[in-house]
C-alpha cells in the first residue's frame, strides 16, 4: 500500500469512526473495526436515541387520533343509538355502524390520519434497524397496531357491557364476559342482556332482569328465563298410529294368512259371489269396506297386505289381472288412490299354488311397514288376460268378448274363494280432535291455543307421512277431517289454511305442496 492510500484510509477512518476504529469496506458495506478502548464504536447511540424519540412521538400521535375518535361527537352519538334492552352481537353492532353516515365520515378521517402515521413509523423503524445492526443490543421496537372496524365494533360492545365503576375492560362475545385490567380483575364486568332476534328463540328480555328472556318466539315456551321448543303433547289420546311390526314377522304371518293380522271387512259386489264360478268376461268390481262411521267410529285402520284365493277351470287360457284402489277414510270412489303394483320398487303380487286339480292360487300383496297406509275401503277391479307364448305379442290382451252371452268364445271360468285385507286398527277419538279444533278459534288462554296448533300440526304431519307412493304426496289429513270428523269442505279448507299460517311462523318450518285427494 502506498503512503498516499494509507493516508486516505486513515483520514476516512478518522471521519467515519471518530478515531475510535479503522474503517473497513467489503461487498458494498462499510463498518468500523473498533479499537480496544472503544468496543461500541459501530453503534451511533445519539442518532438512535433521536430516532427512538421520533418513533415514540408517532405512537403518541396515533394514540391521540384514536382517543379523539372515541371521544368525538359522532362516536358518542353512535353509542347512544345502540339499544340496551337486549344483547348486541358483532353483526348487530355493525348494522348500526354501517348505517351511521356521520360516523363513517369521521372514521375515514381517522383512517387517513393513522395510515399516514403508520407509514412514517415504518420508515423510522427501517432506519433504526439499519443504524443499530452492529450495536451490542438491538432496539426493542413496538409499532402501533392498525385498528380495523372489527376493533371498534368490539370496543362498542366493551363500552356497553364492560364499563362498570369507571373501568373499561374488553368484551369477549364467545364467552359473554369481560376481561378487566390486572388491578381491577372483575370491577369492569357489567350486565350482559339476553339475546333476541335471528338465531335466538327469545323475543324480548324480561324488563325486571334483562339477563333473562321475558317472552319467546312462536313455537317456543318460556321456562326459568330461557326459551325451549314447544313440543306437541302426546297424541295417544286422540290418535295412536305407533305400531311397527318387523317386515319379516309380518311376512311370516301373512304367508300363513294368520287371522290375528286380518282386519274384518264387509265384502260387497254385484259382479262376483264368493265361492261361485263366474265367466271372467269384462271387468268385475269388488270391494271390502269397514263402514267405520257406522260400526267402528273410534277406530281407524292401517292396510299392510291383501290376499285372495282364485281358481280357474282346467285348461283355461286366462289369467286374472287385479287392479287395486284404496280409499283412506271414506267418501266416494273418486277419493281413492291407485296402488302401483310392481311399478318401480313397489311390491308385486306373490302367487302360491293351492290346488293342482282346479288350478287354485293364493294371490298375496305384502305392503309391510314401508308401504302401509290408511284404508276404509279397498276396491278390487278384476280383468282377465289371455295367456300367450308368442314372443311377438308385447301388449296385454284382455279377454272381453263383444257379446257377453256368446258362450262359444268362453275360455274358462274363475272362482274367488276368499278376499281378505290385513293390517291393524288404531284408537281414534273424533270428538277429542274436534275439541282441539275448537281451541283454534276459542282458546281458553294463548298457551292452550298454541298447544292445540302444535298437536294438530303433529297429527297432520304424522298422517301425511303415510301418504301413498306417487309423484306428489297426498293430503290424507284433510280426508280424515272431511270423512271421519264429518266436517264441511269449507271447514276443512279453513283448518288447513290456519295450520299452514301457524307453521309458517315457526322457526325452520317447511310446507310441502300436497295433492288434494278428498273434496
Foldseek 3Di string as FASTA:
>chain_A
DDPVVVVVQVVCCCVVQVPQFGWDDDPNDIAGPGDPVCNFSLAPVVVLVVLVVVLVVLVVVLVVLVVCLCVDPLNVVLLVPDDQQAADDLVNSVVSVVVRPVNVVSVVVSCVVNVVSQVVSVVSVVVSCVSCVPGPDRDDDDGDDDQDVSNVSQQSNQVSFFQAPNFTFTADPVVRWTQGDPVCRHRRGGAHFHHDDPPFQAHGADPVHRNFGDHGFQQWDDDPRGIDGDAFDDCQVAWDDPDADPLVVVVVCVVVPPPVFFDQWDKDFPQADAPDKDQQADKGKIKTFHVCLVPPLFKWWKFFKKKWKKWWAPQFQKDKDKWKWFQFFDDDSLLTHTQPDPPDPQHHWDWDADDPNGRMIMTMHGRHPVQMATGGMMMIMIWIFGDDPDPVDDDTHTRHDPDPPPCVPGRTIMHINDITTGGDMIGHDLVVLVVLVVCCPVPPDPVSNSNSLNNVVVVQVVNQVNAGDDPFGARVVLVCCCRSNVDDPVSSVVVVVSSVVSQVSDPPGDDGDHDYSDD
